[in-house]
N, C-alpha and C. Protein backbone atom coordinates (compact mmCIF):
# COMPACT_ATOMS: atom_id res chain seq x y z
N MET A 1 172.47 77.81 102.48
CA MET A 1 173.05 77.57 101.20
C MET A 1 172.83 78.59 100.65
N VAL A 2 174.32 78.70 99.70
CA VAL A 2 175.07 79.99 99.17
C VAL A 2 174.76 79.94 97.64
N LEU A 3 174.29 80.82 97.31
CA LEU A 3 173.95 81.07 96.00
C LEU A 3 174.92 81.83 95.22
N CYS A 4 175.66 81.12 93.94
CA CYS A 4 176.51 81.77 93.55
C CYS A 4 176.07 82.11 92.36
N LYS A 5 176.85 83.15 91.36
CA LYS A 5 176.44 84.26 90.37
C LYS A 5 175.68 83.02 89.69
N PHE A 6 175.98 82.12 89.06
CA PHE A 6 175.41 81.20 88.18
C PHE A 6 174.29 80.62 88.58
N ASP A 7 173.86 80.39 89.80
CA ASP A 7 172.43 80.08 90.11
C ASP A 7 171.70 81.10 90.05
N TYR A 8 172.14 82.70 90.10
CA TYR A 8 171.30 83.52 90.15
C TYR A 8 170.99 83.81 88.78
N TYR A 9 171.57 84.26 88.03
CA TYR A 9 171.36 84.06 86.46
C TYR A 9 170.92 82.87 86.11
N TYR A 10 170.84 81.74 86.46
CA TYR A 10 169.80 80.48 85.69
C TYR A 10 168.44 80.81 86.63
N TYR A 11 168.23 81.28 87.55
CA TYR A 11 166.83 81.59 88.06
C TYR A 11 166.50 82.72 87.25
N TYR A 12 166.95 83.68 87.11
CA TYR A 12 166.74 84.68 86.40
C TYR A 12 166.60 84.75 84.76
N ILE A 13 167.14 83.38 84.43
CA ILE A 13 166.96 83.35 82.95
C ILE A 13 165.62 82.36 82.79
N ILE A 14 165.53 81.38 83.55
CA ILE A 14 164.23 80.29 84.04
C ILE A 14 163.15 81.71 84.30
N TYR A 15 163.24 82.60 85.01
CA TYR A 15 161.71 83.62 85.12
C TYR A 15 161.70 84.52 83.74
N LEU A 16 162.31 84.70 82.97
CA LEU A 16 162.44 85.47 81.83
C LEU A 16 161.58 84.59 80.95
N MET A 17 161.99 83.07 80.70
CA MET A 17 161.47 82.41 79.60
C MET A 17 160.13 82.03 79.68
N SER A 18 159.85 82.22 81.16
CA SER A 18 158.42 81.60 81.61
C SER A 18 157.58 82.84 81.76
N ASP A 19 157.96 84.22 81.90
CA ASP A 19 157.11 85.32 81.46
C ASP A 19 157.05 85.37 80.21
N LEU A 20 158.38 85.36 79.01
CA LEU A 20 158.10 85.43 77.69
C LEU A 20 156.87 84.44 77.24
N SER A 21 156.99 83.16 77.65
CA SER A 21 156.37 82.18 77.09
C SER A 21 154.91 82.27 77.85
N CYS A 22 154.16 82.66 78.88
CA CYS A 22 153.28 82.85 79.12
C CYS A 22 152.29 84.02 78.67
N SER A 23 153.23 85.03 78.54
CA SER A 23 152.53 86.32 78.09
C SER A 23 152.86 86.69 76.01
N LEU A 24 152.87 85.49 75.93
CA LEU A 24 153.07 85.35 73.89
C LEU A 24 151.95 85.39 73.25
N SER A 25 152.06 86.41 72.44
CA SER A 25 150.62 86.50 72.18
C SER A 25 150.78 86.63 70.61
N LEU A 26 150.19 85.81 69.63
CA LEU A 26 150.48 85.48 68.08
C LEU A 26 148.88 86.17 67.54
N ALA A 27 148.26 86.90 67.81
CA ALA A 27 147.58 87.77 67.53
C ALA A 27 147.84 88.75 66.43
N ASP A 28 148.75 89.33 66.38
CA ASP A 28 149.44 90.20 65.59
C ASP A 28 150.15 90.02 64.85
N THR A 29 149.41 89.09 63.46
CA THR A 29 149.98 88.16 62.84
C THR A 29 151.13 89.12 61.70
N THR A 30 150.93 90.35 61.63
CA THR A 30 151.79 91.45 60.65
C THR A 30 153.33 91.39 61.48
N ARG A 31 152.92 91.52 62.98
CA ARG A 31 154.25 91.89 63.97
C ARG A 31 155.06 90.69 63.52
N LEU A 32 154.22 89.02 63.49
CA LEU A 32 154.94 87.76 63.46
C LEU A 32 155.96 87.93 62.41
N GLN A 33 155.24 88.47 61.43
CA GLN A 33 155.85 87.90 59.81
C GLN A 33 156.94 88.87 59.89
N THR A 34 156.88 90.15 60.70
CA THR A 34 158.18 91.08 60.34
C THR A 34 159.13 90.45 61.01
N LEU A 35 159.26 90.28 62.44
CA LEU A 35 160.03 89.52 63.26
C LEU A 35 160.94 88.30 62.55
N ILE A 36 159.87 87.65 62.03
CA ILE A 36 160.52 86.36 61.04
C ILE A 36 161.08 86.37 59.83
N GLN A 37 160.67 87.89 59.52
CA GLN A 37 161.47 88.40 58.10
C GLN A 37 162.99 88.85 58.41
N ILE A 38 162.94 89.47 59.41
CA ILE A 38 164.33 90.14 60.26
C ILE A 38 165.17 89.02 60.75
N LEU A 39 164.54 87.81 61.51
CA LEU A 39 165.49 86.84 61.76
C LEU A 39 166.27 86.10 60.34
N ALA A 40 165.24 85.90 59.65
CA ALA A 40 166.13 85.28 58.05
C ALA A 40 166.82 86.12 57.74
N ALA A 41 166.58 87.48 57.66
CA ALA A 41 167.63 88.60 57.14
C ALA A 41 168.80 88.55 57.76
N GLU A 42 168.69 88.03 59.33
CA GLU A 42 170.27 88.06 60.14
C GLU A 42 170.95 86.95 59.66
N GLU A 43 169.96 85.74 59.27
CA GLU A 43 170.40 84.37 59.38
C GLU A 43 171.35 84.57 57.65
N SER A 44 170.55 85.37 56.80
CA SER A 44 171.44 85.52 55.18
C SER A 44 172.61 86.25 55.86
N SER A 45 172.52 86.93 56.48
CA SER A 45 173.52 88.21 56.50
C SER A 45 175.14 87.28 57.37
N ASP A 46 174.48 86.02 58.21
CA ASP A 46 175.57 85.54 58.66
C ASP A 46 176.74 84.68 57.47
N ILE A 47 175.71 83.90 56.61
CA ILE A 47 176.31 83.24 55.61
C ILE A 47 177.88 83.65 55.30
N SER A 48 178.18 84.72 54.91
CA SER A 48 179.14 85.55 54.90
C SER A 48 180.01 85.04 55.95
N ASP A 49 179.62 85.60 56.97
CA ASP A 49 180.50 85.23 58.28
C ASP A 49 181.24 83.96 58.53
N ALA A 50 180.41 82.89 58.41
CA ALA A 50 179.97 81.88 58.97
C ALA A 50 180.40 81.03 57.61
N GLY A 51 180.60 81.24 56.76
CA GLY A 51 180.81 80.20 55.21
C GLY A 51 181.18 78.90 55.47
N HIS A 52 182.23 79.04 56.15
CA HIS A 52 183.07 77.87 56.14
C HIS A 52 182.67 76.72 57.10
N GLN A 53 181.82 77.54 57.80
CA GLN A 53 180.89 76.37 59.27
C GLN A 53 179.46 75.94 58.36
N TYR A 54 178.99 76.89 57.43
CA TYR A 54 177.91 76.52 56.68
C TYR A 54 178.48 75.37 55.80
N ALA A 55 179.38 75.09 54.96
CA ALA A 55 179.63 74.30 54.15
C ALA A 55 180.37 72.93 54.50
N MET A 56 180.89 73.01 55.87
CA MET A 56 181.35 72.07 56.75
C MET A 56 180.05 71.18 57.01
N THR A 57 178.58 71.63 57.68
CA THR A 57 177.87 71.21 58.19
C THR A 57 176.99 70.89 57.01
N HIS A 58 177.04 71.24 55.86
CA HIS A 58 176.34 70.94 54.68
C HIS A 58 176.95 69.59 53.93
N ALA A 59 178.23 69.65 54.41
CA ALA A 59 179.05 68.56 53.45
C ALA A 59 178.80 67.30 54.63
N ALA A 60 178.38 67.50 55.79
CA ALA A 60 178.42 66.47 56.78
C ALA A 60 177.40 65.94 56.93
N GLY A 61 176.33 66.39 56.22
CA GLY A 61 174.78 66.20 56.05
C GLY A 61 174.64 65.24 55.03
N THR A 62 175.85 64.86 54.29
CA THR A 62 175.66 63.93 53.35
C THR A 62 176.29 62.29 53.58
N LEU A 63 176.54 62.40 54.60
CA LEU A 63 177.25 61.15 55.52
C LEU A 63 176.53 60.45 56.48
N GLN A 64 175.88 61.20 57.41
CA GLN A 64 174.94 60.66 58.55
C GLN A 64 173.90 61.34 58.67
N PRO A 65 172.52 60.18 58.93
CA PRO A 65 171.41 60.87 58.88
C PRO A 65 171.49 61.72 60.56
N CYS A 66 171.67 61.67 61.40
CA CYS A 66 172.13 63.01 62.46
C CYS A 66 172.80 64.07 61.93
N SER A 67 173.52 63.88 61.01
CA SER A 67 174.16 65.50 60.58
C SER A 67 173.20 65.78 59.24
N ALA A 68 172.51 65.04 58.74
CA ALA A 68 171.41 65.66 57.66
C ALA A 68 170.42 66.24 58.54
N ALA A 69 170.10 65.83 59.52
CA ALA A 69 169.09 66.18 60.82
C ALA A 69 169.57 67.54 60.98
N ARG A 70 170.59 67.85 61.46
CA ARG A 70 171.53 68.93 62.10
C ARG A 70 171.18 70.24 60.81
N GLU A 71 171.74 69.33 59.38
CA GLU A 71 171.78 70.43 57.98
C GLU A 71 170.76 71.16 58.54
N LEU A 72 169.27 70.05 58.05
CA LEU A 72 168.06 70.28 58.06
C LEU A 72 167.43 71.61 58.48
N MET A 73 167.83 71.42 60.31
CA MET A 73 167.36 72.36 60.92
C MET A 73 168.14 73.50 61.05
N SER A 74 169.56 73.65 61.10
CA SER A 74 170.11 74.45 61.37
C SER A 74 171.46 75.20 60.41
N GLY A 75 171.45 74.45 59.25
CA GLY A 75 172.55 74.67 58.29
C GLY A 75 171.99 75.61 57.25
N LEU A 76 172.47 75.42 55.92
CA LEU A 76 172.17 76.36 55.04
C LEU A 76 171.04 76.06 54.25
N THR A 77 170.59 74.67 54.27
CA THR A 77 169.09 74.65 53.57
C THR A 77 168.50 75.25 54.96
N GLN A 78 168.26 75.59 56.04
CA GLN A 78 167.20 76.52 57.30
C GLN A 78 167.50 77.90 56.42
N VAL A 79 168.51 78.30 56.17
CA VAL A 79 168.70 79.98 55.71
C VAL A 79 168.10 80.21 54.29
N THR A 80 168.56 79.13 53.59
CA THR A 80 168.02 79.41 52.03
C THR A 80 166.50 79.16 51.68
């Protein structure tokens, strides 16, 4: 069996994800809070870069329940 480059990266990513999930420790709540604040700041700064995409997602959220769920989980509602 010949492995292509994609197969190698796939197995490497699976290994990294399993390593991260098995060694995850949430005991340091201060560090966790800092990481969440950094992620929130990055998402907020992305609003100006992807404003049109956020506007379209927000508008679509009023049309269908599926779109409303997407907006809630990854749209402007999530960032603000």
